[in-house]
Amino acid sequence: MSSAAPSRSPLSPSAVRAAVLAGSALYTSANVVDSTGSTNADLIAAARAGAAAGSVLVAEEQTAGRGRLDRSWHSQPGAALTFSVLLRPGGVPPAARGWLPLLTGVAVVTAIEAQAGVRASLKWPNDVLAGGAEAPRKLAGILAEQSGDAIVIGVGLNVSASRDELPSDQATSLWLAGAQRSDRSAILIAVLRELERWYLSWTGGPAPGDAMACGLRAAYLSACSTVGHDVRVELPGGGVLAGRATGVDAAGCLLVSAAGGLHAVSAGDVIHVR
């Protein structure tokens, strides 16, 4: 980590739009706004009004950003990348659509390693971690929300936040993780390109939504730090499941070997037991 934090120059809306749309087979629009409540909420509203798949919305600041389980998500203007993508995976069986946030996680870790030189891992289902196996901290969060046939995927990635700007000591940023480069525009475009590549592969071919056939499952398992660990899963209804994470199934559910056999977890807070 350098002694001086990276520049927080604003993104250029025209440059981002041109780079996102150039040669894309997925993206149909790309907009950058100074501030909004939530890019996910904005695109869900747009989807209900008939917005096209492939719409991208980036905000320099979110005032009502949300994570999974309705947790708040805050960042300083220019210190993070907060953006959402509207998708309509109509050909994918509903049971397989749980792979979308996992697919997005693969895109994020691949892009930040290429653009920032930071090695990261994925904690099922929606956290991107950095800082090594001994002290992993949350670098980014991913939130998928559905409305009708549309699914909006939101990403919040800490780029240049300092320790005192983060919400807890369990969070980190690319800068704190020793990023070699932290050009927000380049990182954004790289994430969107990786997301497009995996999305088109996952939705195309003879078996849309088959994460094994397109190589997505193998890529996810290679990046996932949850599988192979003992975990405690706090379930939505208040129950707790303790066991060993052994894999991810065809629907993107976490497989946990625990008392009573093998359990497929579709939602829950996962804690890695050390």
Protein backbone atom coordinates (compact mmCIF):
# COMPACT_ATOMS: atom_id res chain seq x y z
CA MET A 1 0.00 0.00 0.00
CA SER A 2 1.37 3.42 -0.94
CA SER A 3 1.40 6.19 1.68
CA ALA A 4 -0.94 8.41 -0.34
CA ALA A 5 -4.47 7.33 -1.14
CA PRO A 6 -5.39 7.11 -4.83
CA SER A 7 -7.08 9.99 -6.61
CA ARG A 8 -10.84 10.20 -6.24
CA SER A 9 -11.45 11.92 -9.55
CA PRO A 10 -15.02 11.44 -10.76
CA LEU A 11 -15.78 9.00 -13.52
CA SER A 12 -16.35 10.43 -16.98
CA PRO A 13 -19.93 9.51 -17.98
CA SER A 14 -19.16 9.74 -21.70
CA ALA A 15 -15.98 7.69 -21.43
CA VAL A 16 -17.68 5.02 -19.32
CA ARG A 17 -20.62 4.85 -21.72
CA ALA A 18 -18.37 4.50 -24.75
CA ALA A 19 -16.19 1.83 -23.14
CA VAL A 20 -19.10 -0.25 -21.82
CA LEU A 21 -21.04 -0.25 -25.08
CA ALA A 22 -18.09 -0.70 -27.45
CA GLY A 23 -18.38 -4.12 -29.06
CA SER A 24 -20.75 -5.40 -26.37
CA ALA A 25 -23.24 -8.15 -27.11
CA LEU A 26 -24.99 -7.59 -23.77
CA TYR A 27 -25.01 -3.96 -22.68
CA THR A 28 -27.58 -1.58 -24.15
CA SER A 29 -27.07 1.56 -22.06
CA ALA A 30 -24.62 2.85 -19.46
CA ASN A 31 -25.22 5.88 -17.27
CA VAL A 32 -23.20 7.50 -14.50
CA VAL A 33 -24.94 9.69 -11.91
CA ASP A 34 -23.43 11.80 -9.15
CA SER A 35 -25.75 10.53 -6.43
CA THR A 36 -28.77 8.31 -5.97
CA GLY A 37 -30.46 6.35 -3.23
CA SER A 38 -29.73 2.92 -4.68
CA THR A 39 -28.68 1.86 -8.16
CA ASN A 40 -30.50 -1.44 -7.63
CA ALA A 41 -33.74 0.32 -6.70
CA ASP A 42 -33.42 2.63 -9.70
CA LEU A 43 -32.94 -0.25 -12.14
CA ILE A 44 -35.75 -2.30 -10.59
CA ALA A 45 -38.04 0.67 -11.19
CA ALA A 46 -36.69 0.95 -14.73
CA ALA A 47 -37.28 -2.77 -15.31
CA ARG A 48 -40.90 -2.42 -14.24
CA ALA A 49 -41.22 0.40 -16.77
CA GLY A 50 -39.89 -1.85 -19.53
CA ALA A 51 -36.18 -0.99 -19.59
CA ALA A 52 -34.05 -3.20 -21.82
CA ALA A 53 -31.79 -5.94 -20.53
CA GLY A 54 -28.20 -4.82 -20.44
CA SER A 55 -28.86 -1.46 -18.77
CA VAL A 56 -25.97 -0.35 -16.52
CA LEU A 57 -26.22 2.33 -13.82
CA VAL A 58 -23.19 3.64 -11.92
CA ALA A 59 -23.38 6.07 -8.99
CA GLU A 60 -20.55 8.11 -7.52
CA GLU A 61 -22.51 8.10 -4.26
CA GLN A 62 -25.36 6.00 -2.88
CA THR A 63 -27.34 7.47 0.00
CA ALA A 64 -29.54 4.42 0.64
CA GLY A 65 -27.40 1.54 -0.59
CA ARG A 66 -28.35 -1.91 0.63
CA GLY A 67 -26.62 -5.20 1.07
CA ARG A 68 -28.12 -8.62 1.53
CA LEU A 69 -30.68 -8.97 4.36
CA ASP A 70 -31.42 -5.22 4.02
CA ARG A 71 -28.13 -4.18 5.60
CA SER A 72 -27.03 -0.65 4.79
CA TRP A 73 -23.99 -0.01 2.60
CA HIS A 74 -22.14 3.30 2.73
CA SER A 75 -19.14 4.80 0.94
CA GLN A 76 -17.47 8.14 0.47
CA PRO A 77 -18.02 9.73 -2.97
CA GLY A 78 -15.27 8.60 -5.32
CA ALA A 79 -13.92 6.00 -2.87
CA ALA A 80 -15.82 3.03 -4.26
CA LEU A 81 -17.50 1.58 -7.31
CA THR A 82 -21.26 1.22 -6.86
CA PHE A 83 -23.14 -0.03 -9.89
CA SER A 84 -25.97 -2.27 -11.03
CA VAL A 85 -26.83 -4.23 -14.16
CA LEU A 86 -30.32 -5.15 -15.37
CA LEU A 87 -30.58 -8.65 -16.81
CA ARG A 88 -33.46 -10.70 -18.20
CA PRO A 89 -32.25 -14.33 -18.29
CA GLY A 90 -35.49 -15.64 -19.78
CA GLY A 91 -33.99 -18.84 -21.18
CA VAL A 92 -32.49 -19.89 -17.85
CA PRO A 93 -34.64 -22.17 -15.68
CA PRO A 94 -35.74 -20.30 -12.52
CA ALA A 95 -34.05 -22.88 -10.31
CA ALA A 96 -30.66 -22.06 -11.84
CA ARG A 97 -30.87 -18.27 -11.47
CA GLY A 98 -29.28 -18.41 -8.04
CA TRP A 99 -26.00 -18.61 -9.95
CA LEU A 100 -26.19 -14.96 -11.00
CA PRO A 101 -24.61 -13.44 -7.85
CA LEU A 102 -22.01 -16.22 -7.87
CA LEU A 103 -21.25 -15.51 -11.54
CA THR A 104 -20.86 -11.83 -10.67
CA GLY A 105 -18.44 -12.73 -7.88
CA VAL A 106 -16.26 -14.63 -10.34
CA ALA A 107 -16.26 -11.57 -12.61
CA VAL A 108 -15.22 -9.28 -9.75
CA VAL A 109 -12.31 -11.39 -8.46
CA THR A 110 -10.99 -11.96 -11.99
CA ALA A 111 -11.16 -8.27 -12.87
CA ILE A 112 -9.58 -6.90 -9.70
CA GLU A 113 -6.68 -9.33 -9.92
CA ALA A 114 -6.05 -8.29 -13.52
CA GLN A 115 -6.52 -4.55 -12.98
CA ALA A 116 -5.37 -3.98 -9.40
CA GLY A 117 -3.10 -6.93 -8.72
CA VAL A 118 -5.13 -7.91 -5.66
CA ARG A 119 -5.85 -11.56 -4.97
CA ALA A 120 -9.36 -12.08 -3.63
CA SER A 121 -11.68 -14.92 -2.76
CA LEU A 122 -15.43 -15.50 -2.65
CA LYS A 123 -17.38 -16.18 0.50
CA TRP A 124 -20.70 -17.81 -0.36
CA PRO A 125 -23.04 -16.35 -1.41
CA ASN A 126 -22.16 -12.74 -2.08
CA ASP A 127 -18.99 -11.43 -0.42
CA VAL A 128 -15.63 -10.75 -2.03
CA LEU A 129 -12.79 -11.03 0.49
CA ALA A 130 -9.18 -9.86 0.45
CA GLY A 131 -6.35 -9.86 2.95
CA GLY A 132 -5.21 -13.48 2.90
CA ALA A 133 -6.50 -16.64 4.55
CA GLU A 134 -5.47 -15.56 8.05
CA ALA A 135 -7.21 -12.18 8.08
CA PRO A 136 -9.76 -11.96 5.26
CA ARG A 137 -11.84 -8.79 5.13
CA LYS A 138 -14.81 -7.82 3.01
CA LEU A 139 -13.78 -5.97 -0.11
CA ALA A 140 -17.05 -6.03 -2.03
CA GLY A 141 -20.65 -7.14 -1.73
CA ILE A 142 -23.07 -8.34 -4.37
CA LEU A 143 -26.85 -8.10 -4.23
CA ALA A 144 -29.29 -9.75 -6.66
CA GLU A 145 -32.93 -8.64 -6.68
CA GLN A 146 -35.71 -9.92 -8.91
CA SER A 147 -38.74 -8.15 -10.33
CA GLY A 148 -40.86 -10.14 -12.76
CA ASP A 149 -38.59 -11.55 -15.46
CA ALA A 150 -35.81 -9.09 -14.59
CA ILE A 151 -32.92 -9.59 -12.20
CA VAL A 152 -30.83 -6.63 -11.09
CA ILE A 153 -27.31 -7.36 -9.91
CA GLY A 154 -25.66 -4.70 -7.75
CA VAL A 155 -21.99 -4.46 -6.81
CA GLY A 156 -20.38 -2.31 -4.13
CA LEU A 157 -16.57 -2.44 -4.28
CA ASN A 158 -14.34 -0.47 -1.90
CA VAL A 159 -11.52 1.07 -3.91
CA SER A 160 -9.66 3.81 -2.01
CA ALA A 161 -11.36 3.91 1.38
CA SER A 162 -9.05 4.36 4.35
CA ARG A 163 -9.45 2.34 7.54
CA ASP A 164 -11.43 5.06 9.33
CA GLU A 165 -13.82 5.43 6.38
CA LEU A 166 -14.91 1.80 6.49
CA PRO A 167 -17.90 0.64 8.55
CA SER A 168 -16.00 -1.98 10.55
CA ASP A 169 -12.62 -3.62 10.95
CA GLN A 170 -14.03 -6.55 8.96
CA ALA A 171 -14.00 -4.44 5.78
CA THR A 172 -11.15 -3.43 3.50
CA SER A 173 -10.48 -1.63 0.23
CA LEU A 174 -8.27 -2.27 -2.78
CA TRP A 175 -5.90 0.42 -1.52
CA LEU A 176 -5.64 -1.15 1.93
CA ALA A 177 -5.16 -4.56 0.31
CA GLY A 178 -2.09 -3.26 -1.55
CA ALA A 179 -3.51 -2.53 -4.98
CA GLN A 180 -0.86 -1.88 -7.62
CA ARG A 181 -3.36 0.19 -9.62
CA SER A 182 -6.70 1.67 -8.63
CA ASP A 183 -8.16 3.29 -11.75
CA ARG A 184 -11.89 3.05 -11.00
CA SER A 185 -12.89 3.36 -14.65
CA ALA A 186 -10.57 0.55 -15.74
CA ILE A 187 -11.73 -1.68 -12.88
CA LEU A 188 -15.40 -1.00 -13.67
CA ILE A 189 -14.98 -1.83 -17.35
CA ALA A 190 -13.00 -4.97 -16.52
CA VAL A 191 -15.71 -6.23 -14.14
CA LEU A 192 -18.44 -5.56 -16.71
CA ARG A 193 -16.47 -7.32 -19.45
CA GLU A 194 -15.94 -10.39 -17.25
CA LEU A 195 -19.60 -10.35 -16.23
CA GLU A 196 -20.62 -10.20 -19.90
CA ARG A 197 -18.29 -13.04 -20.85
CA TRP A 198 -19.60 -15.36 -18.16
CA TYR A 199 -23.23 -14.33 -18.56
CA LEU A 200 -23.27 -15.00 -22.31
CA SER A 201 -21.55 -18.34 -21.79
CA TRP A 202 -23.94 -19.30 -18.97
CA THR A 203 -27.10 -18.29 -20.85
CA GLY A 204 -25.99 -19.52 -24.28
CA GLY A 205 -25.36 -22.93 -25.74
CA PRO A 206 -27.58 -26.00 -25.60
CA ALA A 207 -28.09 -25.87 -21.80
CA PRO A 208 -28.81 -22.30 -20.62
CA GLY A 209 -28.14 -21.93 -16.91
CA ASP A 210 -25.96 -25.03 -16.62
CA ALA A 211 -23.05 -23.76 -14.53
CA MET A 212 -21.12 -26.99 -14.91
CA ALA A 213 -21.38 -27.18 -18.71
CA CYS A 214 -20.07 -23.64 -19.26
CA GLY A 215 -17.23 -23.91 -16.75
CA LEU A 216 -18.75 -21.44 -14.29
CA ARG A 217 -19.04 -23.90 -11.42
CA ALA A 218 -15.36 -24.86 -11.72
CA ALA A 219 -14.32 -21.19 -11.84
CA TYR A 220 -16.45 -20.39 -8.80
CA LEU A 221 -15.11 -23.30 -6.74
CA SER A 222 -11.56 -22.30 -7.62
CA ALA A 223 -12.18 -18.82 -6.16
CA CYS A 224 -14.43 -19.81 -3.25
CA SER A 225 -12.96 -19.77 0.25
CA THR A 226 -16.11 -21.21 1.84
CA VAL A 227 -16.08 -24.67 0.27
CA GLY A 228 -13.79 -26.97 2.24
CA HIS A 229 -14.22 -24.99 5.47
CA ASP A 230 -16.15 -25.72 8.62
CA VAL A 231 -18.98 -23.21 8.72
CA ARG A 232 -21.83 -22.00 10.86
CA VAL A 233 -24.83 -20.86 8.81
CA GLU A 234 -27.36 -18.56 10.43
CA LEU A 235 -30.55 -19.37 8.55
CA PRO A 236 -33.27 -16.81 7.67
CA GLY A 237 -35.79 -18.39 10.05
CA GLY A 238 -33.46 -18.09 13.01
CA GLY A 239 -32.00 -21.59 12.96
CA VAL A 240 -28.31 -22.44 12.83
CA LEU A 241 -26.63 -25.11 10.74
CA ALA A 242 -23.09 -26.16 11.63
CA GLY A 243 -21.00 -28.44 9.47
CA ARG A 244 -18.52 -28.56 6.61
CA ALA A 245 -19.14 -26.79 3.31
CA THR A 246 -18.53 -29.40 0.64
CA GLY A 247 -19.68 -27.82 -2.61
CA VAL A 248 -22.26 -25.85 -4.56
CA ASP A 249 -25.16 -27.52 -6.36
CA ALA A 250 -26.83 -26.90 -9.72
CA ALA A 251 -28.99 -24.13 -8.24
CA GLY A 252 -26.05 -22.30 -6.63
CA CYS A 253 -26.97 -23.54 -3.15
CA LEU A 254 -24.20 -24.19 -0.64
CA LEU A 255 -23.90 -27.86 0.29
CA VAL A 256 -23.17 -28.39 3.98
CA SER A 257 -22.42 -31.78 5.51
CA ALA A 258 -23.87 -31.67 9.00
CA ALA A 259 -25.86 -33.73 11.46
CA GLY A 260 -28.60 -35.50 9.55
CA GLY A 261 -26.75 -35.61 6.25
CA LEU A 262 -26.10 -33.20 3.39
CA HIS A 263 -28.02 -29.92 3.44
CA ALA A 264 -28.55 -27.53 0.51
CA VAL A 265 -28.58 -23.93 1.81
CA SER A 266 -30.20 -21.36 -0.48
CA ALA A 267 -29.88 -18.38 1.89
CA GLY A 268 -28.15 -17.59 5.12
CA ASP A 269 -25.28 -15.82 6.83
CA VAL A 270 -22.15 -17.96 6.60
CA ILE A 271 -19.46 -17.71 9.24
CA HIS A 272 -16.17 -19.49 8.60
CA VAL A 273 -15.21 -21.43 11.72
CA ARG A 274 -11.48 -21.27 12.45
